[in-house]
Amino acid sequence: VIDIGIGHGKNGVLVREYLDIMSLRYAKKDWIIKLIGIEGFEGYRNP
């Protein structure tokens, strides 16, 4: 998945929840979905 204009990052978190965590891959080391974000504004960077 590529997420264009990620802003705060909410959609990325929900992609992880519904595609990885809902499939019982809770630990980050077990995630299999490749998720790339694109954002034009560095000021929105957060954890």
ModelCIF file with pLDDT and N, C-alpha, C, O atoms, coordinates in Angstrom:
data_MODEL
#
_entry.id   MODEL 
#
_entity.id                         1 
_entity.type                       polymer 
_entity.pdbx_number_of_molecules   1 
#
_entity_poly.entity_id                      1 
_entity_poly.type                           'polypeptide(L)' 
_entity_poly.nstd_linkage                   no 
_entity_poly.nstd_monomer                   no 
_entity_poly.pdbx_seq_one_letter_code       VIDIGIGHGKNGVLVREYLDIMSLRYAKKDWIIKLIGIEGFEGYRNP 
_entity_poly.pdbx_seq_one_letter_code_can   VIDIGIGHGKNGVLVREYLDIMSLRYAKKDWIIKLIGIEGFEGYRNP 
_entity_poly.pdbx_strand_id                 A 
#
loop_
_entity_poly_seq.entity_id 
_entity_poly_seq.num 
_entity_poly_seq.mon_id 
_entity_poly_seq.hetero 
1 1  VAL n 
1 2  ILE n 
1 3  ASP n 
1 4  ILE n 
1 5  GLY n 
1 6  ILE n 
1 7  GLY n 
1 8  HIS n 
1 9  GLY n 
1 10 LYS n 
1 11 ASN n 
1 12 GLY n 
1 13 VAL n 
1 14 LEU n 
1 15 VAL n 
1 16 ARG n 
1 17 GLU n 
1 18 TYR n 
1 19 LEU n 
1 20 ASP n 
1 21 ILE n 
1 22 MET n 
1 23 SER n 
1 24 LEU n 
1 25 ARG n 
1 26 TYR n 
1 27 ALA n 
1 28 LYS n 
1 29 LYS n 
1 30 ASP n 
1 31 TRP n 
1 32 ILE n 
1 33 ILE n 
1 34 LYS n 
1 35 LEU n 
1 36 ILE n 
1 37 GLY n 
1 38 ILE n 
1 39 GLU n 
1 40 GLY n 
1 41 PHE n 
1 42 GLU n 
1 43 GLY n 
1 44 TYR n 
1 45 ARG n 
1 46 ASN n 
1 47 PRO n 
#
_struct_asym.id          A 
_struct_asym.entity_id   1 
#
loop_
_ma_qa_metric.id 
_ma_qa_metric.mode 
_ma_qa_metric.name 
_ma_qa_metric.software_group_id 
_ma_qa_metric.type 
1 global pLDDT . pLDDT 
2 local  pLDDT . pLDDT 
#
_ma_qa_metric_global.metric_id      1 
_ma_qa_metric_global.metric_value   95.45 
_ma_qa_metric_global.model_id       1 
_ma_qa_metric_global.ordinal_id     1 
#
loop_
_ma_qa_metric_local.label_asym_id 
_ma_qa_metric_local.label_comp_id 
_ma_qa_metric_local.label_seq_id 
_ma_qa_metric_local.metric_id 
_ma_qa_metric_local.metric_value 
_ma_qa_metric_local.model_id 
_ma_qa_metric_local.ordinal_id 
A VAL 1  2 98.00 1 1  
A ILE 2  2 98.00 1 2  
A ASP 3  2 98.00 1 3  
A ILE 4  2 97.00 1 4  
A GLY 5  2 95.00 1 5  
A ILE 6  2 95.00 1 6  
A GLY 7  2 91.00 1 7  
A HIS 8  2 92.00 1 8  
A GLY 9  2 94.00 1 9  
A LYS 10 2 95.00 1 10 
A ASN 11 2 96.00 1 11 
A GLY 12 2 97.00 1 12 
A VAL 13 2 97.00 1 13 
A LEU 14 2 97.00 1 14 
A VAL 15 2 97.00 1 15 
A ARG 16 2 97.00 1 16 
A GLU 17 2 96.00 1 17 
A TYR 18 2 96.00 1 18 
A LEU 19 2 97.00 1 19 
A ASP 20 2 97.00 1 20 
A ILE 21 2 96.00 1 21 
A MET 22 2 94.00 1 22 
A SER 23 2 94.00 1 23 
A LEU 24 2 95.00 1 24 
A ARG 25 2 95.00 1 25 
A TYR 26 2 95.00 1 26 
A ALA 27 2 95.00 1 27 
A LYS 28 2 95.00 1 28 
A LYS 29 2 96.00 1 29 
A ASP 30 2 96.00 1 30 
A TRP 31 2 97.00 1 31 
A ILE 32 2 97.00 1 32 
A ILE 33 2 98.00 1 33 
A LYS 34 2 98.00 1 34 
A LEU 35 2 98.00 1 35 
A ILE 36 2 98.00 1 36 
A GLY 37 2 98.00 1 37 
A ILE 38 2 98.00 1 38 
A GLU 39 2 95.00 1 39 
A GLY 40 2 91.00 1 40 
A PHE 41 2 88.00 1 41 
A GLU 42 2 93.00 1 42 
A GLY 43 2 92.00 1 43 
A TYR 44 2 90.00 1 44 
A ARG 45 2 93.00 1 45 
A ASN 46 2 95.00 1 46 
A PRO 47 2 96.00 1 47 
#
loop_
_atom_site.group_PDB 
_atom_site.id 
_atom_site.type_symbol 
_atom_site.label_atom_id 
_atom_site.label_alt_id 
_atom_site.label_comp_id 
_atom_site.label_asym_id 
_atom_site.label_entity_id 
_atom_site.label_seq_id 
_atom_site.pdbx_PDB_ins_code 
_atom_site.Cartn_x 
_atom_site.Cartn_y 
_atom_site.Cartn_z 
_atom_site.occupancy 
_atom_site.B_iso_or_equiv 
_atom_site.pdbx_formal_charge 
_atom_site.auth_seq_id 
_atom_site.auth_comp_id 
_atom_site.auth_asym_id 
_atom_site.auth_atom_id 
_atom_site.pdbx_PDB_model_num 
ATOM 1   N N  . VAL A 1 1  ? 0.847  -1.197  0.000  1.00 98.00 ? 1  VAL A N  1 
ATOM 2   C CA . VAL A 1 1  ? 0.000  0.000   0.000  1.00 98.00 ? 1  VAL A CA 1 
ATOM 3   C C  . VAL A 1 1  ? 0.883  1.247   0.000  1.00 98.00 ? 1  VAL A C  1 
ATOM 4   O O  . VAL A 1 1  ? 1.893  1.304   0.701  1.00 98.00 ? 1  VAL A O  1 
ATOM 5   N N  . ILE A 1 2  ? 0.494  2.237   -0.789 1.00 98.00 ? 2  ILE A N  1 
ATOM 6   C CA . ILE A 1 2  ? 1.078  3.575   -0.703 1.00 98.00 ? 2  ILE A CA 1 
ATOM 7   C C  . ILE A 1 2  ? -0.020 4.519   -0.224 1.00 98.00 ? 2  ILE A C  1 
ATOM 8   O O  . ILE A 1 2  ? -1.113 4.551   -0.789 1.00 98.00 ? 2  ILE A O  1 
ATOM 9   N N  . ASP A 1 3  ? 0.277  5.281   0.817  1.00 98.00 ? 3  ASP A N  1 
ATOM 10  C CA . ASP A 1 3  ? -0.649 6.244   1.394  1.00 98.00 ? 3  ASP A CA 1 
ATOM 11  C C  . ASP A 1 3  ? -0.134 7.642   1.042  1.00 98.00 ? 3  ASP A C  1 
ATOM 12  O O  . ASP A 1 3  ? 0.910  8.065   1.538  1.00 98.00 ? 3  ASP A O  1 
ATOM 13  N N  . ILE A 1 4  ? -0.870 8.357   0.186  1.00 97.00 ? 4  ILE A N  1 
ATOM 14  C CA . ILE A 1 4  ? -0.438 9.684   -0.265 1.00 97.00 ? 4  ILE A CA 1 
ATOM 15  C C  . ILE A 1 4  ? -1.050 10.754  0.631  1.00 97.00 ? 4  ILE A C  1 
ATOM 16  O O  . ILE A 1 4  ? -2.264 10.794  0.829  1.00 97.00 ? 4  ILE A O  1 
ATOM 17  N N  . GLY A 1 5  ? -0.197 11.620  1.167  1.00 95.00 ? 5  GLY A N  1 
ATOM 18  C CA . GLY A 1 5  ? -0.671 12.681  2.048  1.00 95.00 ? 5  GLY A CA 1 
ATOM 19  C C  . GLY A 1 5  ? -1.050 12.147  3.409  1.00 95.00 ? 5  GLY A C  1 
ATOM 20  O O  . GLY A 1 5  ? -2.205 12.252  3.822  1.00 95.00 ? 5  GLY A O  1 
ATOM 21  N N  . ILE A 1 6  ? -0.080 11.569  4.116  1.00 95.00 ? 6  ILE A N  1 
ATOM 22  C CA . ILE A 1 6  ? -0.411 10.814  5.332  1.00 95.00 ? 6  ILE A CA 1 
ATOM 23  C C  . ILE A 1 6  ? -0.784 11.705  6.510  1.00 95.00 ? 6  ILE A C  1 
ATOM 24  O O  . ILE A 1 6  ? -1.447 11.241  7.437  1.00 95.00 ? 6  ILE A O  1 
ATOM 25  N N  . GLY A 1 7  ? -0.374 12.976  6.499  1.00 91.00 ? 7  GLY A N  1 
ATOM 26  C CA . GLY A 1 7  ? -0.726 13.854  7.612  1.00 91.00 ? 7  GLY A CA 1 
ATOM 27  C C  . GLY A 1 7  ? -0.256 13.306  8.938  1.00 91.00 ? 7  GLY A C  1 
ATOM 28  O O  . GLY A 1 7  ? 0.925  13.012  9.118  1.00 91.00 ? 7  GLY A O  1 
ATOM 29  N N  . HIS A 1 8  ? -1.192 13.170  9.874  1.00 92.00 ? 8  HIS A N  1 
ATOM 30  C CA . HIS A 1 8  ? -0.847 12.689  11.212 1.00 92.00 ? 8  HIS A CA 1 
ATOM 31  C C  . HIS A 1 8  ? -0.479 11.206  11.213 1.00 92.00 ? 8  HIS A C  1 
ATOM 32  O O  . HIS A 1 8  ? 0.279  10.754  12.072 1.00 92.00 ? 8  HIS A O  1 
ATOM 33  N N  . GLY A 1 9  ? -1.015 10.448  10.250 1.00 94.00 ? 9  GLY A N  1 
ATOM 34  C CA . GLY A 1 9  ? -0.677 9.027   10.152 1.00 94.00 ? 9  GLY A CA 1 
ATOM 35  C C  . GLY A 1 9  ? -1.784 8.073   10.547 1.00 94.00 ? 9  GLY A C  1 
ATOM 36  O O  . GLY A 1 9  ? -1.560 6.867   10.649 1.00 94.00 ? 9  GLY A O  1 
ATOM 37  N N  . LYS A 1 10 ? -2.987 8.606   10.774 1.00 95.00 ? 10 LYS A N  1 
ATOM 38  C CA . LYS A 1 10 ? -4.114 7.771   11.224 1.00 95.00 ? 10 LYS A CA 1 
ATOM 39  C C  . LYS A 1 10 ? -4.408 6.630   10.261 1.00 95.00 ? 10 LYS A C  1 
ATOM 40  O O  . LYS A 1 10 ? -4.607 5.493   10.689 1.00 95.00 ? 10 LYS A O  1 
ATOM 41  N N  . ASN A 1 11 ? -4.436 6.924   8.962  1.00 96.00 ? 11 ASN A N  1 
ATOM 42  C CA . ASN A 1 11 ? -4.795 5.876   8.005  1.00 96.00 ? 11 ASN A CA 1 
ATOM 43  C C  . ASN A 1 11 ? -3.755 4.765   7.973  1.00 96.00 ? 11 ASN A C  1 
ATOM 44  O O  . ASN A 1 11 ? -4.093 3.602   7.755  1.00 96.00 ? 11 ASN A O  1 
ATOM 45  N N  . GLY A 1 12 ? -2.502 5.114   8.187  1.00 97.00 ? 12 GLY A N  1 
ATOM 46  C CA . GLY A 1 12 ? -1.469 4.084   8.259  1.00 97.00 ? 12 GLY A CA 1 
ATOM 47  C C  . GLY A 1 12 ? -1.679 3.153   9.440  1.00 97.00 ? 12 GLY A C  1 
ATOM 48  O O  . GLY A 1 12 ? -1.508 1.940   9.319  1.00 97.00 ? 12 GLY A O  1 
ATOM 49  N N  . VAL A 1 13 ? -2.048 3.718   10.577 1.00 97.00 ? 13 VAL A N  1 
ATOM 50  C CA . VAL A 1 13 ? -2.326 2.901   11.761 1.00 97.00 ? 13 VAL A CA 1 
ATOM 51  C C  . VAL A 1 13 ? -3.502 1.967   11.500 1.00 97.00 ? 13 VAL A C  1 
ATOM 52  O O  . VAL A 1 13 ? -3.464 0.798   11.884 1.00 97.00 ? 13 VAL A O  1 
ATOM 53  N N  . LEU A 1 14 ? -4.545 2.477   10.849 1.00 97.00 ? 14 LEU A N  1 
ATOM 54  C CA . LEU A 1 14 ? -5.722 1.647   10.578 1.00 97.00 ? 14 LEU A CA 1 
ATOM 55  C C  . LEU A 1 14 ? -5.432 0.578   9.532  1.00 97.00 ? 14 LEU A C  1 
ATOM 56  O O  . LEU A 1 14 ? -5.964 -0.529  9.618  1.00 97.00 ? 14 LEU A O  1 
ATOM 57  N N  . VAL A 1 15 ? -4.598 0.891   8.546  1.00 97.00 ? 15 VAL A N  1 
ATOM 58  C CA . VAL A 1 15 ? -4.172 -0.136  7.599  1.00 97.00 ? 15 VAL A CA 1 
ATOM 59  C C  . VAL A 1 15 ? -3.477 -1.267  8.346  1.00 97.00 ? 15 VAL A C  1 
ATOM 60  O O  . VAL A 1 15 ? -3.752 -2.440  8.094  1.00 97.00 ? 15 VAL A O  1 
ATOM 61  N N  . ARG A 1 16 ? -2.586 -0.923  9.259  1.00 97.00 ? 16 ARG A N  1 
ATOM 62  C CA . ARG A 1 16 ? -1.894 -1.958  10.055 1.00 97.00 ? 16 ARG A CA 1 
ATOM 63  C C  . ARG A 1 16 ? -2.893 -2.766  10.883 1.00 97.00 ? 16 ARG A C  1 
ATOM 64  O O  . ARG A 1 16 ? -2.805 -3.992  10.952 1.00 97.00 ? 16 ARG A O  1 
ATOM 65  N N  . GLU A 1 17 ? -3.840 -2.071  11.506 1.00 96.00 ? 17 GLU A N  1 
ATOM 66  C CA . GLU A 1 17 ? -4.787 -2.778  12.374 1.00 96.00 ? 17 GLU A CA 1 
ATOM 67  C C  . GLU A 1 17 ? -5.630 -3.773  11.588 1.00 96.00 ? 17 GLU A C  1 
ATOM 68  O O  . GLU A 1 17 ? -5.803 -4.913  12.021 1.00 96.00 ? 17 GLU A O  1 
ATOM 69  N N  . TYR A 1 18 ? -6.157 -3.359  10.438 1.00 96.00 ? 18 TYR A N  1 
ATOM 70  C CA . TYR A 1 18 ? -7.107 -4.198  9.716  1.00 96.00 ? 18 TYR A CA 1 
ATOM 71  C C  . TYR A 1 18 ? -6.449 -5.200  8.774  1.00 96.00 ? 18 TYR A C  1 
ATOM 72  O O  . TYR A 1 18 ? -7.083 -6.185  8.396  1.00 96.00 ? 18 TYR A O  1 
ATOM 73  N N  . LEU A 1 19 ? -5.202 -4.976  8.387  1.00 97.00 ? 19 LEU A N  1 
ATOM 74  C CA . LEU A 1 19 ? -4.551 -5.911  7.474  1.00 97.00 ? 19 LEU A CA 1 
ATOM 75  C C  . LEU A 1 19 ? -3.506 -6.788  8.141  1.00 97.00 ? 19 LEU A C  1 
ATOM 76  O O  . LEU A 1 19 ? -3.270 -7.908  7.687  1.00 97.00 ? 19 LEU A O  1 
ATOM 77  N N  . ASP A 1 20 ? -2.872 -6.312  9.209  1.00 97.00 ? 20 ASP A N  1 
ATOM 78  C CA . ASP A 1 20 ? -1.882 -7.127  9.915  1.00 97.00 ? 20 ASP A CA 1 
ATOM 79  C C  . ASP A 1 20 ? -2.410 -7.607  11.267 1.00 97.00 ? 20 ASP A C  1 
ATOM 80  O O  . ASP A 1 20 ? -2.476 -8.810  11.518 1.00 97.00 ? 20 ASP A O  1 
ATOM 81  N N  . ILE A 1 21 ? -2.781 -6.681  12.124 1.00 96.00 ? 21 ILE A N  1 
ATOM 82  C CA . ILE A 1 21 ? -3.147 -7.055  13.491 1.00 96.00 ? 21 ILE A CA 1 
ATOM 83  C C  . ILE A 1 21 ? -4.415 -7.906  13.514 1.00 96.00 ? 21 ILE A C  1 
ATOM 84  O O  . ILE A 1 21 ? -4.508 -8.850  14.299 1.00 96.00 ? 21 ILE A O  1 
ATOM 85  N N  . MET A 1 22 ? -5.396 -7.582  12.660 1.00 94.00 ? 22 MET A N  1 
ATOM 86  C CA . MET A 1 22 ? -6.608 -8.394  12.606 1.00 94.00 ? 22 MET A CA 1 
ATOM 87  C C  . MET A 1 22 ? -6.323 -9.803  12.117 1.00 94.00 ? 22 MET A C  1 
ATOM 88  O O  . MET A 1 22 ? -7.111 -10.719 12.353 1.00 94.00 ? 22 MET A O  1 
ATOM 89  N N  . SER A 1 23 ? -5.200 -9.978  11.437 1.00 94.00 ? 23 SER A N  1 
ATOM 90  C CA . SER A 1 23 ? -4.779 -11.309 10.988 1.00 94.00 ? 23 SER A CA 1 
ATOM 91  C C  . SER A 1 23 ? -3.816 -11.956 11.979 1.00 94.00 ? 23 SER A C  1 
ATOM 92  O O  . SER A 1 23 ? -3.059 -12.861 11.627 1.00 94.00 ? 23 SER A O  1 
ATOM 93  N N  . LEU A 1 24 ? -3.856 -11.479 13.221 1.00 95.00 ? 24 LEU A N  1 
ATOM 94  C CA . LEU A 1 24 ? -3.106 -12.051 14.347 1.00 95.00 ? 24 LEU A CA 1 
ATOM 95  C C  . LEU A 1 24 ? -1.603 -11.823 14.244 1.00 95.00 ? 24 LEU A C  1 
ATOM 96  O O  . LEU A 1 24 ? -0.811 -12.585 14.797 1.00 95.00 ? 24 LEU A O  1 
ATOM 97  N N  . ARG A 1 25 ? -1.220 -10.765 13.528 1.00 95.00 ? 25 ARG A N  1 
ATOM 98  C CA . ARG A 1 25 ? 0.193  -10.380 13.480 1.00 95.00 ? 25 ARG A CA 1 
ATOM 99  C C  . ARG A 1 25 ? 0.349  -9.091  14.288 1.00 95.00 ? 25 ARG A C  1 
ATOM 100 O O  . ARG A 1 25 ? 0.456  -8.001  13.726 1.00 95.00 ? 25 ARG A O  1 
ATOM 101 N N  . TYR A 1 26 ? 0.359  -9.232  15.613 1.00 95.00 ? 26 TYR A N  1 
ATOM 102 C CA . TYR A 1 26 ? 0.371  -8.045  16.479 1.00 95.00 ? 26 TYR A CA 1 
ATOM 103 C C  . TYR A 1 26 ? 1.775  -7.446  16.606 1.00 95.00 ? 26 TYR A C  1 
ATOM 104 O O  . TYR A 1 26 ? 1.938  -6.226  16.597 1.00 95.00 ? 26 TYR A O  1 
ATOM 105 N N  . ALA A 1 27 ? 2.765  -8.297  16.723 1.00 95.00 ? 27 ALA A N  1 
ATOM 106 C CA . ALA A 1 27 ? 4.139  -7.813  16.875 1.00 95.00 ? 27 ALA A CA 1 
ATOM 107 C C  . ALA A 1 27 ? 4.629  -7.232  15.553 1.00 95.00 ? 27 ALA A C  1 
ATOM 108 O O  . ALA A 1 27 ? 4.396  -7.798  14.485 1.00 95.00 ? 27 ALA A O  1 
ATOM 109 N N  . LYS A 1 28 ? 5.301  -6.106  15.643 1.00 95.00 ? 28 LYS A N  1 
ATOM 110 C CA . LYS A 1 28 ? 5.772  -5.432  14.432 1.00 95.00 ? 28 LYS A CA 1 
ATOM 111 C C  . LYS A 1 28 ? 6.675  -6.327  13.591 1.00 95.00 ? 28 LYS A C  1 
ATOM 112 O O  . LYS A 1 28 ? 6.667  -6.235  12.363 1.00 95.00 ? 28 LYS A O  1 
ATOM 113 N N  . LYS A 1 29 ? 7.443  -7.182  14.232 1.00 96.00 ? 29 LYS A N  1 
ATOM 114 C CA . LYS A 1 29 ? 8.349  -8.076  13.505 1.00 96.00 ? 29 LYS A CA 1 
ATOM 115 C C  . LYS A 1 29 ? 7.597  -9.085  12.646 1.00 96.00 ? 29 LYS A C  1 
ATOM 116 O O  . LYS A 1 29 ? 8.176  -9.681  11.738 1.00 96.00 ? 29 LYS A O  1 
ATOM 117 N N  . ASP A 1 30 ? 6.302  -9.280  12.928 1.00 96.00 ? 30 ASP A N  1 
ATOM 118 C CA . ASP A 1 30 ? 5.499  -10.251 12.181 1.00 96.00 ? 30 ASP A CA 1 
ATOM 119 C C  . ASP A 1 30 ? 4.686  -9.619  11.056 1.00 96.00 ? 30 ASP A C  1 
ATOM 120 O O  . ASP A 1 30 ? 4.056  -10.338 10.280 1.00 96.00 ? 30 ASP A O  1 
ATOM 121 N N  . TRP A 1 31 ? 4.686  -8.305  10.953 1.00 97.00 ? 31 TRP A N  1 
ATOM 122 C CA . TRP A 1 31 ? 3.889  -7.635  9.927  1.00 97.00 ? 31 TRP A CA 1 
ATOM 123 C C  . TRP A 1 31 ? 4.376  -8.018  8.536  1.00 97.00 ? 31 TRP A C  1 
ATOM 124 O O  . TRP A 1 31 ? 5.580  -8.127  8.302  1.00 97.00 ? 31 TRP A O  1 
ATOM 125 N N  . ILE A 1 32 ? 3.433  -8.222  7.610  1.00 97.00 ? 32 ILE A N  1 
ATOM 126 C CA . ILE A 1 32 ? 3.807  -8.596  6.246  1.00 97.00 ? 32 ILE A CA 1 
ATOM 127 C C  . ILE A 1 32 ? 3.355  -7.564  5.212  1.00 97.00 ? 32 ILE A C  1 
ATOM 128 O O  . ILE A 1 32 ? 3.793  -7.617  4.062  1.00 97.00 ? 32 ILE A O  1 
ATOM 129 N N  . ILE A 1 33 ? 2.500  -6.639  5.594  1.00 98.00 ? 33 ILE A N  1 
ATOM 130 C CA . ILE A 1 33 ? 2.028  -5.624  4.659  1.00 98.00 ? 33 ILE A CA 1 
ATOM 131 C C  . ILE A 1 33 ? 3.109  -4.561  4.470  1.00 98.00 ? 33 ILE A C  1 
ATOM 132 O O  . ILE A 1 33 ? 3.615  -4.000  5.442  1.00 98.00 ? 33 ILE A O  1 
ATOM 133 N N  . LYS A 1 34 ? 3.456  -4.291  3.218  1.00 98.00 ? 34 LYS A N  1 
ATOM 134 C CA . LYS A 1 34 ? 4.400  -3.216  2.929  1.00 98.00 ? 34 LYS A CA 1 
ATOM 135 C C  . LYS A 1 34 ? 3.620  -1.922  2.797  1.00 98.00 ? 34 LYS A C  1 
ATOM 136 O O  . LYS A 1 34 ? 2.776  -1.788  1.911  1.00 98.00 ? 34 LYS A O  1 
ATOM 137 N N  . LEU A 1 35 ? 3.899  -0.968  3.674  1.00 98.00 ? 35 LEU A N  1 
ATOM 138 C CA . LEU A 1 35 ? 3.146  0.288   3.742  1.00 98.00 ? 35 LEU A CA 1 
ATOM 139 C C  . LEU A 1 35 ? 4.107  1.468   3.640  1.00 98.00 ? 35 LEU A C  1 
ATOM 140 O O  . LEU A 1 35 ? 4.947  1.680   4.515  1.00 98.00 ? 35 LEU A O  1 
ATOM 141 N N  . ILE A 1 36 ? 3.972  2.223   2.570  1.00 98.00 ? 36 ILE A N  1 
ATOM 142 C CA . ILE A 1 36 ? 4.822  3.394   2.333  1.00 98.00 ? 36 ILE A CA 1 
ATOM 143 C C  . ILE A 1 36 ? 3.962  4.648   2.380  1.00 98.00 ? 36 ILE A C  1 
ATOM 144 O O  . ILE A 1 36 ? 2.898  4.696   1.763  1.00 98.00 ? 36 ILE A O  1 
ATOM 145 N N  . GLY A 1 37 ? 4.415  5.656   3.104  1.00 98.00 ? 37 GLY A N  1 
ATOM 146 C CA . GLY A 1 37 ? 3.700  6.916   3.190  1.00 98.00 ? 37 GLY A CA 1 
ATOM 147 C C  . GLY A 1 37 ? 4.428  8.010   2.419  1.00 98.00 ? 37 GLY A C  1 
ATOM 148 O O  . GLY A 1 37 ? 5.657  8.036   2.352  1.00 98.00 ? 37 GLY A O  1 
ATOM 149 N N  . ILE A 1 38 ? 3.645  8.909   1.841  1.00 98.00 ? 38 ILE A N  1 
ATOM 150 C CA . ILE A 1 38 ? 4.183  10.095  1.173  1.00 98.00 ? 38 ILE A CA 1 
ATOM 151 C C  . ILE A 1 38 ? 3.551  11.323  1.817  1.00 98.00 ? 38 ILE A C  1 
ATOM 152 O O  . ILE A 1 38 ? 2.329  11.405  1.943  1.00 98.00 ? 38 ILE A O  1 
ATOM 153 N N  . GLU A 1 39 ? 4.375  12.263  2.218  1.00 95.00 ? 39 GLU A N  1 
ATOM 154 C CA . GLU A 1 39 ? 3.873  13.495  2.853  1.00 95.00 ? 39 GLU A CA 1 
ATOM 155 C C  . GLU A 1 39 ? 4.750  14.663  2.418  1.00 95.00 ? 39 GLU A C  1 
ATOM 156 O O  . GLU A 1 39 ? 5.976  14.558  2.396  1.00 95.00 ? 39 GLU A O  1 
ATOM 157 N N  . GLY A 1 40 ? 4.116  15.765  2.075  1.00 91.00 ? 40 GLY A N  1 
ATOM 158 C CA . GLY A 1 40 ? 4.856  16.917  1.601  1.00 91.00 ? 40 GLY A CA 1 
ATOM 159 C C  . GLY A 1 40 ? 5.360  17.846  2.676  1.00 91.00 ? 40 GLY A C  1 
ATOM 160 O O  . GLY A 1 40 ? 6.147  18.751  2.398  1.00 91.00 ? 40 GLY A O  1 
ATOM 161 N N  . PHE A 1 41 ? 4.907  17.630  3.936  1.00 88.00 ? 41 PHE A N  1 
ATOM 162 C CA . PHE A 1 41 ? 5.202  18.592  5.004  1.00 88.00 ? 41 PHE A CA 1 
ATOM 163 C C  . PHE A 1 41 ? 5.885  17.914  6.176  1.00 88.00 ? 41 PHE A C  1 
ATOM 164 O O  . PHE A 1 41 ? 5.262  17.140  6.902  1.00 88.00 ? 41 PHE A O  1 
ATOM 165 N N  . GLU A 1 42 ? 7.153  18.201  6.359  1.00 93.00 ? 42 GLU A N  1 
ATOM 166 C CA . GLU A 1 42 ? 7.943  17.590  7.431  1.00 93.00 ? 42 GLU A CA 1 
ATOM 167 C C  . GLU A 1 42 ? 7.384  17.908  8.811  1.00 93.00 ? 42 GLU A C  1 
ATOM 168 O O  . GLU A 1 42 ? 7.568  17.128  9.745  1.00 93.00 ? 42 GLU A O  1 
ATOM 169 N N  . GLY A 1 43 ? 6.715  19.026  8.948  1.00 92.00 ? 43 GLY A N  1 
ATOM 170 C CA . GLY A 1 43 ? 6.199  19.437  10.254 1.00 92.00 ? 43 GLY A CA 1 
ATOM 171 C C  . GLY A 1 43 ? 5.157  18.504  10.849 1.00 92.00 ? 43 GLY A C  1 
ATOM 172 O O  . GLY A 1 43 ? 4.849  18.603  12.036 1.00 92.00 ? 43 GLY A O  1 
ATOM 173 N N  . TYR A 1 44 ? 4.613  17.605  10.049 1.00 90.00 ? 44 TYR A N  1 
ATOM 174 C CA . TYR A 1 44 ? 3.631  16.648  10.578 1.00 90.00 ? 44 TYR A CA 1 
ATOM 175 C C  . TYR A 1 44 ? 4.276  15.382  11.141 1.00 90.00 ? 44 TYR A C  1 
ATOM 176 O O  . TYR A 1 44 ? 3.579  14.510  11.660 1.00 90.00 ? 44 TYR A O  1 
ATOM 177 N N  . ARG A 1 45 ? 5.588  15.279  11.042 1.00 93.00 ? 45 ARG A N  1 
ATOM 178 C CA . ARG A 1 45 ? 6.259  14.066  11.527 1.00 93.00 ? 45 ARG A CA 1 
ATOM 179 C C  . ARG A 1 45 ? 5.960  13.846  13.001 1.00 93.00 ? 45 ARG A C  1 
ATOM 180 O O  . ARG A 1 45 ? 6.022  14.777  13.803 1.00 93.00 ? 45 ARG A O  1 
ATOM 181 N N  . ASN A 1 46 ? 5.632  12.596  13.351 1.00 95.00 ? 46 ASN A N  1 
ATOM 182 C CA . ASN A 1 46 ? 5.324  12.236  14.736 1.00 95.00 ? 46 ASN A CA 1 
ATOM 183 C C  . ASN A 1 46 ? 5.550  10.735  14.898 1.00 95.00 ? 46 ASN A C  1 
ATOM 184 O O  . ASN A 1 46 ? 5.794  10.053  13.903 1.00 95.00 ? 46 ASN A O  1 
ATOM 185 N N  . PRO A 1 47 ? 5.479  10.193  16.120 1.00 96.00 ? 47 PRO A N  1 
ATOM 186 C CA . PRO A 1 47 ? 5.816  8.774   16.331 1.00 96.00 ? 47 PRO A CA 1 
ATOM 187 C C  . PRO A 1 47 ? 4.957  7.790   15.546 1.00 96.00 ? 47 PRO A C  1 
ATOM 188 O O  . PRO A 1 47 ? 5.155  6.579   15.650 1.00 96.00 ? 47 PRO A O  1 
#
